[in-house]
Amino acid sequence: MPTPDPRVDAYIANAAAFAQPILREIRQRVHDGCAQAEEAIKWGMPAFLYQGKLLCGMAAFKAHATLGFWQRDGAAGNDEAMGQYGRLCTLKDLPGKREFASQLRQSMQRIDSGTKAPRRAPRAALPMPPAFALALDAAPAAKEHFQAFAPGYQRDYLEWIGDAKRDSTRNQRIEQSIAWLSDGKHRNWKHEKH
């Protein structure tokens, strides 16, 4: 196994207690299946490289962890969370060792052959909540920033507002969104590195 990256050690140590064994298991499985895998931090999360190419990555959040293979078939996946295996809350949520090893081998073969993984079809656009549209019309700077954002950043706002169960919550989120958008901030700006 190549020298462990101390940044990955620190990431795992700082993860929530439930996530630490999941992240350690993923790390061990990657190194068991790919002796040449190098560790790195990409987008603030642990990643594994093979021949300098991104093989897979993992992340931990407040209530779940994720695992994602980058060199995979576009058809396979779970849109419930960032990785294709959905929200991982316990070791039992990880794919079986054989499935994991198979996915790892397939990803390595794709890198070896130079074949690019097929792109997933883009997700359908979310509807604009009418109250949000009215608020954007009343705040030209916010509207300009929103329209200039990539579809994923727009989707972050639309999902957050659309997921509100109560009108009062939805209205608070719209008000907060307009304030952030007026400053040109993405929905998750607090978590971005500046």
C-alpha atoms as a PDB file:
ATOM      1  CA  MET A   1       0.000   0.000   0.000  1.00  0.00           C
ATOM      2  CA  PRO A   2       1.364   3.441  -0.876  1.00  0.00           C
ATOM      3  CA  THR A   3       2.044   5.821   1.970  1.00  0.00           C
ATOM      4  CA  PRO A   4      -1.271   6.921   3.506  1.00  0.00           C
ATOM      5  CA  ASP A   5      -2.066  10.593   2.997  1.00  0.00           C
ATOM      6  CA  PRO A   6      -2.153  12.280   6.432  1.00  0.00           C
ATOM      7  CA  ARG A   7      -4.954  14.530   5.158  1.00  0.00           C
ATOM      8  CA  VAL A   8      -7.129  11.438   4.660  1.00  0.00           C
ATOM      9  CA  ASP A   9      -6.205  10.253   8.158  1.00  0.00           C
ATOM     10  CA  ALA A  10      -7.282  13.647   9.521  1.00  0.00           C
ATOM     11  CA  TYR A  11     -10.518  13.625   7.479  1.00  0.00           C
ATOM     12  CA  ILE A  12     -11.476  10.221   8.874  1.00  0.00           C
ATOM     13  CA  ALA A  13     -10.533  11.233  12.435  1.00  0.00           C
ATOM     14  CA  ASN A  14     -12.703  14.361  12.160  1.00  0.00           C
ATOM     15  CA  ALA A  15     -15.711  12.533  10.676  1.00  0.00           C
ATOM     16  CA  ALA A  16     -18.734  11.673  12.800  1.00  0.00           C
ATOM     17  CA  ALA A  17     -18.287   8.525  14.906  1.00  0.00           C
ATOM     18  CA  PHE A  18     -20.742   6.486  12.799  1.00  0.00           C
ATOM     19  CA  ALA A  19     -18.847   7.395   9.583  1.00  0.00           C
ATOM     20  CA  GLN A  20     -15.323   6.531  10.702  1.00  0.00           C
ATOM     21  CA  PRO A  21     -15.642   2.737  10.343  1.00  0.00           C
ATOM     22  CA  ILE A  22     -17.346   3.175   6.952  1.00  0.00           C
ATOM     23  CA  LEU A  23     -14.549   5.402   5.656  1.00  0.00           C
ATOM     24  CA  ARG A  24     -11.843   3.103   7.050  1.00  0.00           C
ATOM     25  CA  GLU A  25     -13.515   0.090   5.392  1.00  0.00           C
ATOM     26  CA  ILE A  26     -13.756   1.847   2.015  1.00  0.00           C
ATOM     27  CA  ARG A  27     -10.099   2.868   2.276  1.00  0.00           C
ATOM     28  CA  GLN A  28      -9.041  -0.681   3.120  1.00  0.00           C
ATOM     29  CA  ARG A  29     -11.089  -2.184   0.280  1.00  0.00           C
ATOM     30  CA  VAL A  30      -9.613   0.229  -2.253  1.00  0.00           C
ATOM     31  CA  HIS A  31      -6.056  -0.595  -1.206  1.00  0.00           C
ATOM     32  CA  ASP A  32      -6.817  -4.340  -1.063  1.00  0.00           C
ATOM     33  CA  GLY A  33      -8.185  -4.234  -4.612  1.00  0.00           C
ATOM     34  CA  CYS A  34      -5.726  -1.746  -6.113  1.00  0.00           C
ATOM     35  CA  ALA A  35      -2.240  -1.782  -4.646  1.00  0.00           C
ATOM     36  CA  GLN A  36      -1.285   1.189  -6.844  1.00  0.00           C
ATOM     37  CA  ALA A  37      -4.089   3.439  -5.551  1.00  0.00           C
ATOM     38  CA  GLU A  38      -2.835   6.803  -4.335  1.00  0.00           C
ATOM     39  CA  GLU A  39      -4.709   8.860  -1.776  1.00  0.00           C
ATOM     40  CA  ALA A  40      -5.585  12.499  -2.291  1.00  0.00           C
ATOM     41  CA  ILE A  41      -8.038  15.152  -1.240  1.00  0.00           C
ATOM     42  CA  LYS A  42     -10.283  16.358  -4.070  1.00  0.00           C
ATOM     43  CA  TRP A  43     -13.041  18.917  -3.500  1.00  0.00           C
ATOM     44  CA  GLY A  44     -12.295  18.697   0.215  1.00  0.00           C
ATOM     45  CA  MET A  45     -12.998  14.935   0.361  1.00  0.00           C
ATOM     46  CA  PRO A  46     -10.815  11.802   0.276  1.00  0.00           C
ATOM     47  CA  ALA A  47     -10.224  10.421  -3.204  1.00  0.00           C
ATOM     48  CA  PHE A  48      -8.254   7.534  -4.655  1.00  0.00           C
ATOM     49  CA  LEU A  49      -6.232   7.895  -7.846  1.00  0.00           C
ATOM     50  CA  TYR A  50      -5.052   5.176 -10.204  1.00  0.00           C
ATOM     51  CA  GLN A  51      -2.429   6.127 -12.786  1.00  0.00           C
ATOM     52  CA  GLY A  52      -3.127   9.753 -11.910  1.00  0.00           C
ATOM     53  CA  LYS A  53      -6.837   9.432 -12.743  1.00  0.00           C
ATOM     54  CA  LEU A  54      -9.690   9.650 -10.281  1.00  0.00           C
ATOM     55  CA  LEU A  55     -10.801   6.132  -9.384  1.00  0.00           C
ATOM     56  CA  CYS A  56     -13.268   6.730  -6.562  1.00  0.00           C
ATOM     57  CA  GLY A  57     -14.018   9.007  -3.676  1.00  0.00           C
ATOM     58  CA  MET A  58     -15.727   9.005  -0.312  1.00  0.00           C
ATOM     59  CA  ALA A  59     -17.197  11.618   1.964  1.00  0.00           C
ATOM     60  CA  ALA A  60     -18.824  11.949   5.361  1.00  0.00           C
ATOM     61  CA  PHE A  61     -21.659  14.267   6.298  1.00  0.00           C
ATOM     62  CA  LYS A  62     -23.672  14.810   9.487  1.00  0.00           C
ATOM     63  CA  ALA A  63     -25.923  11.788   9.068  1.00  0.00           C
ATOM     64  CA  HIS A  64     -24.464   9.710   6.227  1.00  0.00           C
ATOM     65  CA  ALA A  65     -21.381   8.890   4.224  1.00  0.00           C
ATOM     66  CA  THR A  66     -21.032   8.367   0.470  1.00  0.00           C
ATOM     67  CA  LEU A  67     -18.982   6.318  -1.949  1.00  0.00           C
ATOM     68  CA  GLY A  68     -18.662   7.065  -5.639  1.00  0.00           C
ATOM     69  CA  PHE A  69     -16.721   5.450  -8.474  1.00  0.00           C
ATOM     70  CA  TRP A  70     -15.829   7.939 -11.199  1.00  0.00           C
ATOM     71  CA  GLN A  71     -15.051   5.466 -13.964  1.00  0.00           C
ATOM     72  CA  ARG A  72     -18.373   3.645 -14.028  1.00  0.00           C
ATOM     73  CA  ASP A  73     -21.327   2.987 -16.282  1.00  0.00           C
ATOM     74  CA  GLY A  74     -23.633   5.975 -16.357  1.00  0.00           C
ATOM     75  CA  ALA A  75     -26.691   3.745 -15.891  1.00  0.00           C
ATOM     76  CA  ALA A  76     -25.680   2.480 -12.458  1.00  0.00           C
ATOM     77  CA  GLY A  77     -26.437   4.768  -9.595  1.00  0.00           C
ATOM     78  CA  ASN A  78     -28.572   6.021  -6.787  1.00  0.00           C
ATOM     79  CA  ASP A  79     -29.597   9.677  -6.913  1.00  0.00           C
ATOM     80  CA  GLU A  80     -30.436   9.683  -3.201  1.00  0.00           C
ATOM     81  CA  ALA A  81     -26.978  10.976  -2.257  1.00  0.00           C
ATOM     82  CA  MET A  82     -23.739  12.113  -3.854  1.00  0.00           C
ATOM     83  CA  GLY A  83     -22.290   8.632  -4.557  1.00  0.00           C
ATOM     84  CA  GLN A  84     -23.993   5.871  -6.485  1.00  0.00           C
ATOM     85  CA  TYR A  85     -24.609   3.794  -3.351  1.00  0.00           C
ATOM     86  CA  GLY A  86     -26.930   6.269  -1.652  1.00  0.00           C
ATOM     87  CA  ARG A  87     -26.689   7.262   1.982  1.00  0.00           C
ATOM     88  CA  LEU A  88     -24.290   5.030   3.883  1.00  0.00           C
ATOM     89  CA  CYS A  89     -25.123   5.038   7.590  1.00  0.00           C
ATOM     90  CA  THR A  90     -23.621   1.713   8.710  1.00  0.00           C
ATOM     91  CA  LEU A  91     -21.105  -0.799   7.369  1.00  0.00           C
ATOM     92  CA  LYS A  92     -24.069  -2.918   6.223  1.00  0.00           C
ATOM     93  CA  ASP A  93     -24.982  -0.160   3.736  1.00  0.00           C
ATOM     94  CA  LEU A  94     -21.737  -0.642   1.808  1.00  0.00           C
ATOM     95  CA  PRO A  95     -21.883  -2.789  -1.323  1.00  0.00           C
ATOM     96  CA  GLY A  96     -20.739  -6.376  -0.774  1.00  0.00           C
ATOM     97  CA  LYS A  97     -17.019  -7.026  -0.973  1.00  0.00           C
ATOM     98  CA  ARG A  98     -17.370  -8.851  -4.305  1.00  0.00           C
ATOM     99  CA  GLU A  99     -19.482  -6.079  -5.829  1.00  0.00           C
ATOM    100  CA  PHE A 100     -17.039  -3.458  -4.543  1.00  0.00           C
ATOM    101  CA  ALA A 101     -14.027  -5.377  -5.921  1.00  0.00           C
ATOM    102  CA  SER A 102     -15.769  -5.858  -9.268  1.00  0.00           C
ATOM    103  CA  GLN A 103     -16.616  -2.145  -9.525  1.00  0.00           C
ATOM    104  CA  LEU A 104     -13.039  -1.268  -8.616  1.00  0.00           C
ATOM    105  CA  ARG A 105     -11.625  -3.639 -11.287  1.00  0.00           C
ATOM    106  CA  GLN A 106     -13.993  -2.255 -13.924  1.00  0.00           C
ATOM    107  CA  SER A 107     -12.955   1.285 -13.057  1.00  0.00           C
ATOM    108  CA  MET A 108      -9.280   0.357 -13.277  1.00  0.00           C
ATOM    109  CA  GLN A 109      -9.853  -1.356 -16.645  1.00  0.00           C
ATOM    110  CA  ARG A 110     -11.544   1.767 -17.975  1.00  0.00           C
ATOM    111  CA  ILE A 111      -8.548   3.839 -16.935  1.00  0.00           C
ATOM    112  CA  ASP A 112      -6.117   1.268 -18.407  1.00  0.00           C
ATOM    113  CA  SER A 113      -7.958   1.237 -21.742  1.00  0.00           C
ATOM    114  CA  GLY A 114      -8.394   5.002 -21.878  1.00  0.00           C
ATOM    115  CA  THR A 115     -12.139   4.559 -22.300  1.00  0.00           C
ATOM    116  CA  LYS A 116     -14.155   7.377 -20.833  1.00  0.00           C
ATOM    117  CA  ALA A 117     -17.109   6.499 -18.671  1.00  0.00           C
ATOM    118  CA  PRO A 118     -20.412   7.323 -20.359  1.00  0.00           C
ATOM    119  CA  ARG A 119     -22.011  10.510 -19.115  1.00  0.00           C
ATOM    120  CA  ARG A 120     -25.238  10.321 -17.218  1.00  0.00           C
ATOM    121  CA  ALA A 121     -28.243  11.955 -18.768  1.00  0.00           C
ATOM    122  CA  PRO A 122     -28.834  15.400 -17.274  1.00  0.00           C
ATOM    123  CA  ARG A 123     -31.458  15.594 -14.565  1.00  0.00           C
ATOM    124  CA  ALA A 124     -34.787  17.155 -15.416  1.00  0.00           C
ATOM    125  CA  ALA A 125     -35.140  20.835 -14.580  1.00  0.00           C
ATOM    126  CA  LEU A 126     -36.999  21.657 -11.390  1.00  0.00           C
ATOM    127  CA  PRO A 127     -40.011  23.948 -11.542  1.00  0.00           C
ATOM    128  CA  MET A 128     -39.576  27.493 -10.298  1.00  0.00           C
ATOM    129  CA  PRO A 129     -41.778  28.080  -7.226  1.00  0.00           C
ATOM    130  CA  PRO A 130     -44.048  31.041  -8.123  1.00  0.00           C
ATOM    131  CA  ALA A 131     -43.244  32.917  -4.899  1.00  0.00           C
ATOM    132  CA  PHE A 132     -39.514  32.592  -5.617  1.00  0.00           C
ATOM    133  CA  ALA A 133     -40.009  33.848  -9.181  1.00  0.00           C
ATOM    134  CA  LEU A 134     -41.840  36.923  -7.823  1.00  0.00           C
ATOM    135  CA  ALA A 135     -39.091  37.550  -5.272  1.00  0.00           C
ATOM    136  CA  LEU A 136     -36.416  37.310  -7.974  1.00  0.00           C
ATOM    137  CA  ASP A 137     -38.345  39.747 -10.176  1.00  0.00           C
ATOM    138  CA  ALA A 138     -38.358  42.205  -7.274  1.00  0.00           C
ATOM    139  CA  ALA A 139     -34.585  41.862  -6.758  1.00  0.00           C
ATOM    140  CA  PRO A 140     -32.782  42.367 -10.100  1.00  0.00           C
ATOM    141  CA  ALA A 141     -29.270  41.734  -8.719  1.00  0.00           C
ATOM    142  CA  ALA A 142     -30.375  38.437  -7.162  1.00  0.00           C
ATOM    143  CA  LYS A 143     -32.113  37.418 -10.380  1.00  0.00           C
ATOM    144  CA  GLU A 144     -29.048  38.250 -12.462  1.00  0.00           C
ATOM    145  CA  HIS A 145     -26.797  36.134 -10.227  1.00  0.00           C
ATOM    146  CA  PHE A 146     -29.295  33.256 -10.163  1.00  0.00           C
ATOM    147  CA  GLN A 147     -29.575  33.217 -13.966  1.00  0.00           C
ATOM    148  CA  ALA A 148     -25.780  33.306 -14.314  1.00  0.00           C
ATOM    149  CA  PHE A 149     -25.306  30.249 -12.089  1.00  0.00           C
ATOM    150  CA  ALA A 150     -24.731  26.809 -13.549  1.00  0.00           C
ATOM    151  CA  PRO A 151     -27.814  24.548 -13.484  1.00  0.00           C
ATOM    152  CA  GLY A 152     -26.505  22.652 -10.451  1.00  0.00           C
ATOM    153  CA  TYR A 153     -26.243  25.819  -8.370  1.00  0.00           C
ATOM    154  CA  GLN A 154     -29.717  26.884  -9.470  1.00  0.00           C
ATOM    155  CA  ARG A 155     -30.996  23.428  -8.547  1.00  0.00           C
ATOM    156  CA  ASP A 156     -29.537  23.777  -5.031  1.00  0.00           C
ATOM    157  CA  TYR A 157     -31.749  26.795  -4.412  1.00  0.00           C
ATOM    158  CA  LEU A 158     -34.827  25.317  -6.105  1.00  0.00           C
ATOM    159  CA  GLU A 159     -34.588  22.071  -4.123  1.00  0.00           C
ATOM    160  CA  TRP A 160     -34.069  23.876  -0.822  1.00  0.00           C
ATOM    161  CA  ILE A 161     -37.066  26.124  -1.364  1.00  0.00           C
ATOM    162  CA  GLY A 162     -39.217  23.386  -2.894  1.00  0.00           C
ATOM    163  CA  ASP A 163     -38.522  20.960  -0.030  1.00  0.00           C
ATOM    164  CA  ALA A 164     -40.062  23.301   2.569  1.00  0.00           C
ATOM    165  CA  LYS A 165     -43.149  21.693   4.114  1.00  0.00           C
ATOM    166  CA  ARG A 166     -44.740  24.850   5.503  1.00  0.00           C
ATOM    167  CA  ASP A 167     -45.427  28.159   3.795  1.00  0.00           C
ATOM    168  CA  SER A 168     -43.657  30.037   6.589  1.00  0.00           C
ATOM    169  CA  THR A 169     -40.516  27.935   6.105  1.00  0.00           C
ATOM    170  CA  ARG A 170     -40.687  28.383   2.329  1.00  0.00           C
ATOM    171  CA  ASN A 171     -41.026  32.157   2.739  1.00  0.00           C
ATOM    172  CA  GLN A 172     -38.033  32.284   5.130  1.00  0.00           C
ATOM    173  CA  ARG A 173     -35.961  30.295   2.661  1.00  0.00           C
ATOM    174  CA  ILE A 174     -36.949  32.573  -0.206  1.00  0.00           C
ATOM    175  CA  GLU A 175     -36.008  35.633   1.846  1.00  0.00           C
ATOM    176  CA  GLN A 176     -32.645  34.081   2.754  1.00  0.00           C
ATOM    177  CA  SER A 177     -32.064  33.028  -0.867  1.00  0.00           C
ATOM    178  CA  ILE A 178     -32.658  36.541  -2.155  1.00  0.00           C
ATOM    179  CA  ALA A 179     -30.154  37.913   0.378  1.00  0.00           C
ATOM    180  CA  TRP A 180     -27.492  35.370  -0.611  1.00  0.00           C
ATOM    181  CA  LEU A 181     -28.170  35.721  -4.324  1.00  0.00           C
ATOM    182  CA  SER A 182     -27.951  39.512  -4.089  1.00  0.00           C
ATOM    183  CA  ASP A 183     -24.381  38.974  -2.867  1.00  0.00           C
ATOM    184  CA  GLY A 184     -23.725  36.436  -5.648  1.00  0.00           C
ATOM    185  CA  LYS A 185     -23.479  33.522  -3.213  1.00  0.00           C
ATOM    186  CA  HIS A 186     -24.223  29.897  -4.031  1.00  0.00           C
ATOM    187  CA  ARG A 187     -26.722  28.115  -1.794  1.00  0.00           C
ATOM    188  CA  ASN A 188     -23.960  26.245   0.063  1.00  0.00           C
ATOM    189  CA  TRP A 189     -21.486  29.131   0.089  1.00  0.00           C
ATOM    190  CA  LYS A 190     -20.616  28.560   3.755  1.00  0.00           C
ATOM    191  CA  HIS A 191     -19.067  25.188   2.861  1.00  0.00           C
ATOM    192  CA  GLU A 192     -17.009  26.409  -0.088  1.00  0.00           C
ATOM    193  CA  LYS A 193     -13.317  27.123   0.269  1.00  0.00           C
ATOM    194  CA  HIS A 194     -12.447  30.709  -0.519  1.00  0.00           C
END
